């Protein structure tokens, strides 16, 4: 019996209008897989579609102009499904690009590129002569195929590796109590993995607790929050973030606002209930997977995605927490649950300037609508002793402004703070009598990688006083005016309890 590809060839129709032009089936690019049989060409950038020996009738898209390591993707389980995808989409272009798109972008592409008369004529022949119907939900079909495909099975010629460096190996999967995602210290043995496969909805995310690890000193649990790619893409587009534009040049106000809106910035305070006893975490660490920038994702994040079989088309905020045994010996686990509490989310308030005691700022709380009055009680310049930094080879900024204020009605320190909108000056390295700024090691926005704030001075208020203090960033020279930012913190979801065992 003839295959669907053979039946298609016998139709002898021109597929160039849908990105499936005839060509030399033996012509290969450096990234064309070994054993490939080219079945059509897009007509631009060398993009072509092929069957590959060892993969049955699966259809692959090959794009030589793609980023290194992302040249080849499966787009259909067989040629019949490939034609059904064409009936649904009208052109191969969107099939090739689907691996880089989310659902919204995919739908927008189809809407912006309606079928032409030439495409409809080609598709009518396919529909009538081969008796095929358009693929239902083409985007979901392609993403499911790619999510479950093992790209390591594809073999390339030696020429390929002259263009593409060998992909770094994923770290060996071992979990330790005295460790994190990147390693461990000490001589303890790796924990024993115990599958949990728990899933629940909390807030706007679907959460998974795939496994726990029984270690000599306690339990380690991984918590994975799934974030829709559409939310991440909307956030990235709003601030025009990219691998090149990671937010390093944004102002401190912009960085604070972006971090507050980052959909992958999910922070929780977990506890477990072990045999009826509540146990707080000893320590934790986190990584994130961003489907908008998969080529720039942390290798550890890729390892987690692969080990747990998480959908790479979605975003993931992944946290690993360690909980100590509360007994001298490892107990028999009769019952185990996890209680998750959200760390308060940040809400940015208005900017203001003050210069002397007695000045007041009246503002409205963004959530409660209550009017509050901030009254400046003291405002002065101060300096930090240079010996405080303990480094002879660098010069550090020492000047800052300190404001003491009261708040009526009062808000707790966990619900409200005042911060300087600007960053501290960078330390300067002493060389030959000249002060040269150190390389800018400012962390990028958390949507690409981790972000830590600038060095700051923290002064707590006395429990006996209603007065509070705020310190500006550190400067090399005194400043008269500081742009202060009101910052609110709000818990936006109720605690959740999940039974694990």
Protein backbone atom coordinates (compact mmCIF):
# COMPACT_ATOMS: atom_id res chain seq x y z
CA UNK A 1 0.00 0.00 0.00
CA UNK A 2 1.33 3.42 -0.94
CA UNK A 3 2.26 5.75 1.89
CA UNK A 4 0.56 9.15 2.21
CA UNK A 5 3.73 10.79 0.98
CA UNK A 6 3.73 8.57 -2.13
CA UNK A 7 0.04 9.32 -2.72
CA UNK A 8 0.79 13.02 -2.37
CA UNK A 9 3.64 12.78 -4.90
CA UNK A 10 1.34 11.14 -7.45
CA UNK A 11 -0.92 14.22 -7.32
CA UNK A 12 1.95 16.10 -9.02
CA UNK A 13 0.88 19.49 -7.65
CA UNK A 14 3.03 22.55 -6.94
CA UNK A 15 3.37 23.07 -3.18
CA UNK A 16 5.55 26.18 -3.41
CA UNK A 17 2.63 28.46 -2.46
CA UNK A 18 2.34 26.70 0.91
CA UNK A 19 6.08 26.46 1.58
CA UNK A 20 6.53 22.94 0.28
CA UNK A 21 8.31 23.44 -3.03
CA UNK A 22 9.96 20.64 -4.93
CA UNK A 23 13.73 20.50 -4.88
CA UNK A 24 16.74 18.26 -4.92
CA UNK A 25 16.03 15.64 -2.28
CA UNK A 26 19.75 15.04 -1.90
CA UNK A 27 20.63 18.69 -1.10
CA UNK A 28 21.59 19.02 2.53
CA UNK A 29 22.66 21.80 4.88
CA UNK A 30 25.12 21.40 7.75
CA UNK A 31 22.18 20.95 10.15
CA UNK A 32 20.20 18.46 8.05
CA UNK A 33 20.05 15.24 10.13
CA UNK A 34 21.83 12.11 9.00
CA UNK A 35 19.56 9.81 7.00
CA UNK A 36 17.23 12.68 6.02
CA UNK A 37 15.00 12.58 2.92
CA UNK A 38 13.99 16.11 1.96
CA UNK A 39 10.29 16.33 1.04
CA UNK A 40 9.94 20.07 0.42
CA UNK A 41 11.49 23.52 0.66
CA UNK A 42 10.04 26.69 2.17
CA UNK A 43 11.76 28.83 -0.46
CA UNK A 44 13.63 31.10 1.97
CA UNK A 45 16.59 30.85 4.37
CA UNK A 46 17.22 27.22 3.41
CA UNK A 47 14.27 26.00 5.50
CA UNK A 48 13.25 22.50 4.47
CA UNK A 49 11.14 19.56 5.64
CA UNK A 50 12.26 15.98 5.75
CA UNK A 51 11.73 12.41 6.88
CA UNK A 52 14.63 10.93 8.84
CA UNK A 53 15.74 7.30 8.85
CA UNK A 54 15.02 5.71 12.21
CA UNK A 55 12.00 7.93 13.00
CA UNK A 56 9.38 6.27 10.81
CA UNK A 57 7.13 8.74 9.01
CA UNK A 58 7.73 11.63 11.41
CA UNK A 59 8.17 14.98 9.61
CA UNK A 60 10.92 17.38 10.73
CA UNK A 61 11.43 21.08 10.04
CA UNK A 62 15.05 22.15 9.46
CA UNK A 63 15.90 25.86 9.76
CA UNK A 64 19.59 26.69 9.14
CA UNK A 65 18.98 30.30 10.23
CA UNK A 66 17.77 29.36 13.70
CA UNK A 67 19.82 29.72 16.89
CA UNK A 68 22.55 27.11 17.49
CA UNK A 69 21.13 23.89 18.86
CA UNK A 70 17.59 24.73 17.69
CA UNK A 71 17.89 23.97 14.01
CA UNK A 72 15.66 20.88 13.89
CA UNK A 73 12.20 20.24 15.36
CA UNK A 74 9.58 17.54 14.73
CA UNK A 75 6.33 19.05 13.44
CA UNK A 76 4.15 16.01 12.65
CA UNK A 77 3.99 12.36 13.70
CA UNK A 78 3.55 11.36 10.05
CA UNK A 79 3.01 12.89 6.61
CA UNK A 80 -0.77 12.51 6.87
CA UNK A 81 -0.81 14.70 10.00
CA UNK A 82 1.60 17.09 8.26
CA UNK A 83 -0.93 17.63 5.46
CA UNK A 84 -3.74 18.05 8.01
CA UNK A 85 -1.66 20.75 9.71
CA UNK A 86 -1.28 22.47 6.33
CA UNK A 87 -5.05 22.34 5.86
CA UNK A 88 -5.46 24.06 9.23
CA UNK A 89 -2.67 26.63 8.86
CA UNK A 90 -2.31 27.23 5.13
CA UNK A 91 1.50 27.39 5.06
CA UNK A 92 4.52 25.56 6.47
CA UNK A 93 5.99 28.81 7.87
CA UNK A 94 3.96 28.73 11.05
CA UNK A 95 4.78 25.02 11.54
CA UNK A 96 8.49 25.80 11.57
CA UNK A 97 8.04 28.78 13.91
CA UNK A 98 5.64 27.08 16.34
CA UNK A 99 8.50 25.94 18.58
CA UNK A 100 9.30 29.61 19.34
CA UNK A 101 5.69 30.76 19.79
CA UNK A 102 3.06 30.65 22.47
CA UNK A 103 -0.61 30.10 21.66
CA UNK A 104 -1.37 33.81 21.34
CA UNK A 105 1.46 34.40 18.89
CA UNK A 106 0.49 31.32 16.88
CA UNK A 107 -3.13 32.46 16.59
CA UNK A 108 -2.04 36.00 15.72
CA UNK A 109 0.18 34.67 12.91
CA UNK A 110 -2.74 32.78 11.39
CA UNK A 111 -5.01 35.80 11.68
CA UNK A 112 -2.43 38.10 10.09
CA UNK A 113 -1.74 35.67 7.23
CA UNK A 114 -5.09 34.57 5.74
CA UNK A 115 -5.12 31.90 3.03
CA UNK A 116 -4.39 33.17 -0.48
CA UNK A 117 -6.24 31.99 -3.58
CA UNK A 118 -3.19 29.92 -4.62
CA UNK A 119 -3.02 28.26 -1.22
CA UNK A 120 -6.74 27.48 -1.22
CA UNK A 121 -6.42 25.85 -4.65
CA UNK A 122 -3.60 23.60 -3.41
CA UNK A 123 -5.43 22.73 -0.19
CA UNK A 124 -8.66 21.90 -2.02
CA UNK A 125 -6.82 19.21 -3.98
CA UNK A 126 -5.33 17.78 -0.79
CA UNK A 127 -8.69 17.78 0.96
CA UNK A 128 -10.65 16.26 -1.90
CA UNK A 129 -8.20 13.77 -3.44
CA UNK A 130 -6.70 12.48 -0.16
CA UNK A 131 -9.93 12.90 1.85
CA UNK A 132 -8.35 14.74 4.76
CA UNK A 133 -9.75 17.16 7.31
CA UNK A 134 -7.87 20.06 8.92
CA UNK A 135 -6.06 19.29 12.18
CA UNK A 136 -7.96 20.27 15.31
CA UNK A 137 -5.90 22.53 17.61
CA UNK A 138 -2.69 22.48 15.51
CA UNK A 139 -0.63 24.42 18.06
CA UNK A 140 -1.43 21.99 20.87
CA UNK A 141 -0.63 19.07 18.56
CA UNK A 142 2.83 20.42 17.65
CA UNK A 143 3.72 21.43 21.21
CA UNK A 144 2.74 18.03 22.61
CA UNK A 145 4.87 16.29 19.99
CA UNK A 146 7.90 18.46 20.69
CA UNK A 147 7.53 18.30 24.47
CA UNK A 148 7.79 14.50 24.46
CA UNK A 149 10.51 14.21 21.81
CA UNK A 150 14.05 13.18 22.74
CA UNK A 151 16.23 15.50 20.64
CA UNK A 152 19.33 13.53 21.62
CA UNK A 153 18.27 10.80 19.18
CA UNK A 154 18.90 13.02 16.15
CA UNK A 155 22.30 12.35 14.55
CA UNK A 156 24.25 14.87 12.48
CA UNK A 157 27.25 14.85 10.20
CA UNK A 158 30.68 15.92 11.41
CA UNK A 159 30.16 19.23 9.62
CA UNK A 160 27.37 20.08 12.04
CA UNK A 161 29.69 20.10 15.04
CA UNK A 162 31.98 22.58 13.33
CA UNK A 163 29.07 25.03 13.55
CA UNK A 164 27.51 23.99 16.84
CA UNK A 165 29.49 23.39 20.02
CA UNK A 166 28.71 20.21 21.90
CA UNK A 167 25.74 20.74 24.21
CA UNK A 168 26.83 20.78 27.85
CA UNK A 169 25.83 17.69 29.75
CA UNK A 170 23.08 17.98 32.31
CA UNK A 171 24.37 17.57 35.86
CA UNK A 172 23.95 14.19 37.52
CA UNK A 173 20.64 14.09 39.36
CA UNK A 174 21.41 13.79 43.06
CA UNK A 175 19.69 15.63 45.89
CA UNK A 176 21.33 16.33 49.25
CA UNK A 177 19.98 17.84 52.45
CA UNK A 178 23.03 20.12 52.87
CA UNK A 179 22.87 21.44 49.33
CA UNK A 180 20.89 23.24 46.67
CA UNK A 181 20.27 23.00 42.93
CA UNK A 182 23.92 23.71 42.14
CA UNK A 183 25.76 21.40 44.50
CA UNK A 184 26.33 20.39 48.11
CA UNK A 185 28.95 20.40 50.83
CA UNK A 186 29.92 17.75 53.31
CA UNK A 187 30.17 14.01 52.86
CA UNK A 188 26.53 13.00 53.24
CA UNK A 189 24.90 10.54 50.90
CA UNK A 190 22.35 11.61 48.32
CA UNK A 191 18.73 11.32 49.41
CA UNK A 192 16.39 8.57 48.27
CA UNK A 193 13.80 9.87 45.78
CA UNK A 194 10.18 9.14 46.69
CA UNK A 195 7.62 9.96 43.99
CA UNK A 196 4.67 12.08 45.15
CA UNK A 197 3.12 13.39 41.90
CA UNK A 198 0.83 15.83 43.71
CA UNK A 199 -0.93 18.54 41.72
CA UNK A 200 -3.10 21.39 42.98
CA UNK A 201 -4.26 24.88 42.04
CA UNK A 202 -3.14 27.76 44.22
CA UNK A 203 -3.76 31.33 43.17
CA UNK A 204 -3.26 31.73 39.42
CA UNK A 205 -0.88 28.78 39.05
CA UNK A 206 -1.10 25.03 38.82
CA UNK A 207 1.42 23.60 41.28
CA UNK A 208 3.17 20.25 41.24
CA UNK A 209 5.08 18.49 44.00
CA UNK A 210 6.66 15.69 41.94
CA UNK A 211 8.96 14.12 44.55
CA UNK A 212 10.56 14.25 47.97
CA UNK A 213 13.97 12.97 49.07
CA UNK A 214 14.62 11.14 52.30
CA UNK A 215 18.05 12.12 53.62
CA UNK A 216 20.01 11.35 56.77
CA UNK A 217 19.29 14.82 58.21
CA UNK A 218 15.76 15.40 56.95
CA UNK A 219 13.43 15.69 53.97
CA UNK A 220 13.98 17.68 50.76
CA UNK A 221 10.91 18.58 48.67
CA UNK A 222 10.67 20.21 45.23
CA UNK A 223 7.75 22.59 44.57
CA UNK A 224 7.01 23.56 40.94
CA UNK A 225 4.62 26.39 39.97
CA UNK A 226 3.44 26.37 36.36
CA UNK A 227 3.07 29.82 34.75
CA UNK A 228 1.31 30.14 31.35
CA UNK A 229 3.66 31.27 28.59
CA UNK A 230 1.11 33.93 27.58
CA UNK A 231 1.52 35.72 30.92
CA UNK A 232 5.30 35.69 30.60
CA UNK A 233 5.23 36.87 26.98
CA UNK A 234 2.89 39.74 27.90
CA UNK A 235 5.27 40.77 30.70
CA UNK A 236 8.35 40.50 28.45
CA UNK A 237 6.70 42.56 25.70
CA UNK A 238 5.52 45.22 28.16
CA UNK A 239 9.08 45.97 29.28
CA UNK A 240 10.76 44.95 26.00
CA UNK A 241 12.94 42.40 27.76
CA UNK A 242 15.23 40.06 25.84
CA UNK A 243 18.47 38.15 26.27
CA UNK A 244 20.28 41.31 25.13
CA UNK A 245 18.06 43.68 27.12
CA UNK A 246 17.96 41.99 30.53
CA UNK A 247 17.10 45.14 32.49
CA UNK A 248 20.62 45.97 33.68
CA UNK A 249 20.26 49.56 32.43
CA UNK A 250 16.87 50.21 34.00
CA UNK A 251 16.50 52.68 36.83
CA UNK A 252 16.00 51.37 40.32
CA UNK A 253 12.33 52.42 40.19
CA UNK A 254 11.85 50.47 36.97
CA UNK A 255 13.64 47.45 38.40
CA UNK A 256 11.48 47.47 41.52
CA UNK A 257 8.31 47.73 39.42
CA UNK A 258 9.43 45.00 37.03
CA UNK A 259 10.36 42.66 39.85
CA UNK A 260 6.96 43.28 41.45
CA UNK A 261 5.18 42.29 38.21
CA UNK A 262 7.44 39.39 37.22
CA UNK A 263 5.13 36.36 36.80
CA UNK A 264 8.03 34.02 37.64
CA UNK A 265 8.76 35.85 40.89
CA UNK A 266 6.74 33.58 43.16
CA UNK A 267 7.92 33.37 46.76
CA UNK A 268 6.46 31.09 49.40
CA UNK A 269 7.18 30.21 53.00
CA UNK A 270 6.63 26.45 53.31
CA UNK A 271 6.25 24.22 56.33
CA UNK A 272 5.58 20.52 56.59
CA UNK A 273 3.44 18.63 59.06
CA UNK A 274 5.26 15.36 59.82
CA UNK A 275 3.35 12.86 61.95
CA UNK A 276 1.39 15.77 63.42
CA UNK A 277 4.44 17.98 64.14
CA UNK A 278 4.90 21.28 62.27
CA UNK A 279 8.44 21.62 60.86
CA UNK A 280 9.86 24.84 59.39
CA UNK A 281 12.34 24.75 56.53
CA UNK A 282 16.06 24.83 57.26
CA UNK A 283 16.98 26.41 53.91
CA UNK A 284 15.89 26.58 50.29
CA UNK A 285 16.87 27.60 46.77
CA UNK A 286 15.09 28.27 43.50
CA UNK A 287 15.46 28.27 39.73
CA UNK A 288 13.09 29.27 36.94
CA UNK A 289 12.39 28.09 33.41
CA UNK A 290 11.38 30.75 30.88
CA UNK A 291 9.91 29.39 27.60
CA UNK A 292 10.44 32.79 25.97
CA UNK A 293 14.22 32.43 26.33
CA UNK A 294 14.87 28.66 26.35
CA UNK A 295 18.33 29.07 24.81
CA UNK A 296 19.38 31.27 27.74
CA UNK A 297 17.91 29.14 30.51
CA UNK A 298 20.00 27.77 33.34
CA UNK A 299 21.30 24.24 32.69
CA UNK A 300 20.01 23.25 36.13
CA UNK A 301 16.52 24.43 35.18
CA UNK A 302 16.70 22.29 32.05
CA UNK A 303 17.72 19.36 34.23
CA UNK A 304 14.68 19.81 36.49
CA UNK A 305 12.32 20.14 33.50
CA UNK A 306 13.69 16.94 31.99
CA UNK A 307 13.87 14.91 35.21
CA UNK A 308 10.27 15.61 36.20
CA UNK A 309 8.84 15.70 32.67
CA UNK A 310 7.51 19.25 33.08
CA UNK A 311 6.06 20.94 29.99
CA UNK A 312 8.85 23.16 28.53
CA UNK A 313 6.24 25.23 26.65
CA UNK A 314 5.18 26.69 30.01
CA UNK A 315 7.07 28.79 32.50
CA UNK A 316 8.13 27.23 35.82
CA UNK A 317 9.13 28.70 39.18
CA UNK A 318 10.85 25.82 40.99
CA UNK A 319 11.78 25.78 44.67
CA UNK A 320 13.71 23.19 46.66
CA UNK A 321 13.29 23.24 50.46
CA UNK A 322 14.98 21.18 53.17
CA UNK A 323 13.15 20.24 56.39
CA UNK A 324 15.12 18.69 59.28
CA UNK A 325 14.09 15.62 61.24
CA UNK A 326 12.85 16.68 64.66
CA UNK A 327 14.03 13.48 66.32
CA UNK A 328 17.50 12.01 66.86
CA UNK A 329 16.72 9.13 64.52
CA UNK A 330 14.97 9.17 61.20
CA UNK A 331 11.29 8.58 62.06
CA UNK A 332 8.82 6.30 60.36
CA UNK A 333 6.66 8.60 58.25
CA UNK A 334 3.02 7.89 59.03
CA UNK A 335 1.55 11.14 57.73
CA UNK A 336 3.05 14.05 55.81
CA UNK A 337 1.57 17.28 54.54
CA UNK A 338 2.88 20.61 53.22
CA UNK A 339 1.55 24.03 54.18
CA UNK A 340 2.35 26.87 51.78
CA UNK A 341 2.12 30.53 52.75
CA UNK A 342 2.67 33.32 50.23
CA UNK A 343 5.36 35.87 50.93
CA UNK A 344 3.73 39.33 50.65
CA UNK A 345 3.72 40.75 47.11
CA UNK A 346 5.25 44.17 46.48
CA UNK A 347 3.06 47.11 45.41
CA UNK A 348 4.83 50.27 44.32
CA UNK A 349 3.45 53.54 45.68
CA UNK A 350 4.13 57.19 44.76
CA UNK A 351 7.49 58.97 44.78
CA UNK A 352 8.15 61.91 47.07
CA UNK A 353 10.90 64.28 48.25
CA UNK A 354 11.49 65.75 51.70
CA UNK A 355 14.33 67.85 53.08
CA UNK A 356 13.59 68.78 56.70
CA UNK A 357 11.67 67.74 59.83
CA UNK A 358 7.99 68.59 59.99
CA UNK A 359 7.23 67.93 56.33
CA UNK A 360 4.25 65.69 55.70
CA UNK A 361 3.05 63.39 52.95
CA UNK A 362 -0.61 62.34 52.79
CA UNK A 363 -1.20 59.22 50.68
CA UNK A 364 -3.90 56.65 50.01
CA UNK A 365 -3.20 52.96 50.57
CA UNK A 366 -3.55 51.30 47.13
CA UNK A 367 -5.52 48.32 48.48
CA UNK A 368 -7.50 49.55 51.48
CA UNK A 369 -8.16 53.11 50.31
CA UNK A 370 -7.28 54.40 53.79
CA UNK A 371 -5.61 57.83 54.04
CA UNK A 372 -2.24 57.80 55.85
CA UNK A 373 0.05 60.64 56.87
CA UNK A 374 3.84 60.28 56.88
CA UNK A 375 5.47 62.91 59.11
CA UNK A 376 9.23 63.54 58.93
CA UNK A 377 10.69 63.70 62.47
CA UNK A 378 14.36 63.97 61.53
CA UNK A 379 16.34 64.22 58.31
CA UNK A 380 20.13 64.36 58.14
CA UNK A 381 23.26 63.32 56.27
CA UNK A 382 25.48 60.64 57.73
CA UNK A 383 28.54 58.62 56.74
CA UNK A 384 29.74 55.06 57.18
CA UNK A 385 33.23 54.55 58.58
CA UNK A 386 35.54 53.30 55.83
CA UNK A 387 36.86 50.59 58.17
CA UNK A 388 33.40 49.06 58.06
CA UNK A 389 34.09 47.63 54.57
CA UNK A 390 37.39 45.95 55.48
CA UNK A 391 38.95 46.10 52.02
CA UNK A 392 42.20 47.94 51.27
CA UNK A 393 42.13 47.60 47.47
CA UNK A 394 38.79 49.27 46.84
CA UNK A 395 37.11 52.51 47.77
CA UNK A 396 33.46 52.32 48.81
CA UNK A 397 30.79 55.04 48.91
CA UNK A 398 30.19 56.24 52.47
CA UNK A 399 27.63 59.08 52.29
CA UNK A 400 23.91 58.52 52.85
CA UNK A 401 20.81 60.33 54.08
CA UNK A 402 18.71 59.02 56.93
CA UNK A 403 15.09 59.90 57.54
CA UNK A 404 13.16 59.24 60.75
CA UNK A 405 9.40 59.36 60.33
CA UNK A 406 6.08 58.37 61.87
CA UNK A 407 3.00 56.98 60.16
CA UNK A 408 -0.64 57.66 61.04
CA UNK A 409 -2.58 55.37 61.04
CA UNK A 410 0.34 53.04 61.61
CA UNK A 411 1.32 50.20 59.28
CA UNK A 412 3.55 47.30 60.30
CA UNK A 413 7.06 46.99 58.90
CA UNK A 414 5.95 43.85 57.07
CA UNK A 415 3.25 45.87 55.28
CA UNK A 416 5.05 49.12 54.44
CA UNK A 417 8.50 50.60 53.85
CA UNK A 418 10.25 53.58 52.29
CA UNK A 419 13.14 53.04 49.86
CA UNK A 420 15.59 55.12 47.82
CA UNK A 421 14.74 55.04 44.11
CA UNK A 422 18.39 55.14 43.05
CA UNK A 423 21.14 52.56 43.34
CA UNK A 424 24.23 52.89 45.46
CA UNK A 425 27.39 54.04 43.68
CA UNK A 426 29.62 51.17 42.59
CA UNK A 427 32.84 50.57 44.55
CA UNK A 428 36.02 51.81 42.85
CA UNK A 429 39.22 49.86 42.57
CA UNK A 430 42.41 51.67 43.53
CA UNK A 431 45.03 51.45 40.78
CA UNK A 432 48.13 53.63 40.54
CA UNK A 433 46.49 56.32 42.58
CA UNK A 434 43.41 56.42 40.34
CA UNK A 435 39.96 55.30 41.34
CA UNK A 436 38.44 53.18 38.58
CA UNK A 437 34.88 51.82 38.81
CA UNK A 438 34.62 48.07 39.15
CA UNK A 439 32.93 46.09 36.43
CA UNK A 440 29.19 46.40 36.72
CA UNK A 441 28.04 43.17 38.29
CA UNK A 442 24.47 44.34 38.67
CA UNK A 443 22.15 41.37 38.39
CA UNK A 444 19.66 41.29 35.57
CA UNK A 445 15.92 41.25 35.98
CA UNK A 446 14.67 37.96 37.44
CA UNK A 447 12.76 37.12 34.26
CA UNK A 448 16.17 36.24 32.77
CA UNK A 449 18.16 35.44 35.90
CA UNK A 450 18.34 36.07 39.63
CA UNK A 451 18.28 39.61 40.98
CA UNK A 452 19.70 40.97 44.19
CA UNK A 453 19.29 44.57 45.31
CA UNK A 454 22.18 47.00 45.76
CA UNK A 455 24.15 47.19 48.97
CA UNK A 456 22.17 49.12 51.56
CA UNK A 457 22.17 50.08 55.19
CA UNK A 458 19.34 48.64 57.27
CA UNK A 459 18.27 50.28 60.50
CA UNK A 460 15.37 48.77 62.38
CA UNK A 461 12.95 50.78 64.46
CA UNK A 462 12.72 50.28 68.18
CA UNK A 463 9.87 48.15 69.45
CA UNK A 464 9.34 50.85 72.10
CA UNK A 465 8.92 53.65 69.55
CA UNK A 466 6.44 54.45 66.82
CA UNK A 467 9.21 56.13 64.82
CA UNK A 468 10.74 54.40 61.84
CA UNK A 469 13.85 54.99 59.77
CA UNK A 470 14.72 54.90 56.08
CA UNK A 471 18.23 55.12 54.65
CA UNK A 472 19.20 56.24 51.20
CA UNK A 473 21.62 54.43 48.90
CA UNK A 474 25.34 54.99 49.47
CA UNK A 475 27.09 57.78 47.53
CA UNK A 476 30.67 58.95 47.11
CA UNK A 477 29.50 62.54 47.51
CA UNK A 478 26.75 63.94 49.77
CA UNK A 479 23.39 64.62 48.09
CA UNK A 480 20.76 67.15 49.10
CA UNK A 481 17.74 65.50 47.57
CA UNK A 482 16.69 61.86 47.58
CA UNK A 483 13.79 60.46 45.56
CA UNK A 484 11.95 58.24 48.02
CA UNK A 485 9.52 55.49 47.04
CA UNK A 486 6.57 54.23 49.10
CA UNK A 487 6.47 50.44 49.00
CA UNK A 488 3.54 48.34 50.19
CA UNK A 489 3.50 44.60 50.86
CA UNK A 490 0.34 42.56 50.59
CA UNK A 491 -0.49 38.88 50.97
CA UNK A 492 -2.77 38.05 48.07
CA UNK A 493 -3.70 34.42 48.61
CA UNK A 494 -4.75 32.23 51.49
CA UNK A 495 -2.50 29.51 52.86
CA UNK A 496 -2.94 26.07 51.37
CA UNK A 497 -2.46 22.62 52.91
CA UNK A 498 -1.57 19.67 50.68
CA UNK A 499 -1.55 16.05 51.85
CA UNK A 500 1.62 14.33 50.57
CA UNK A 501 1.57 10.90 52.26
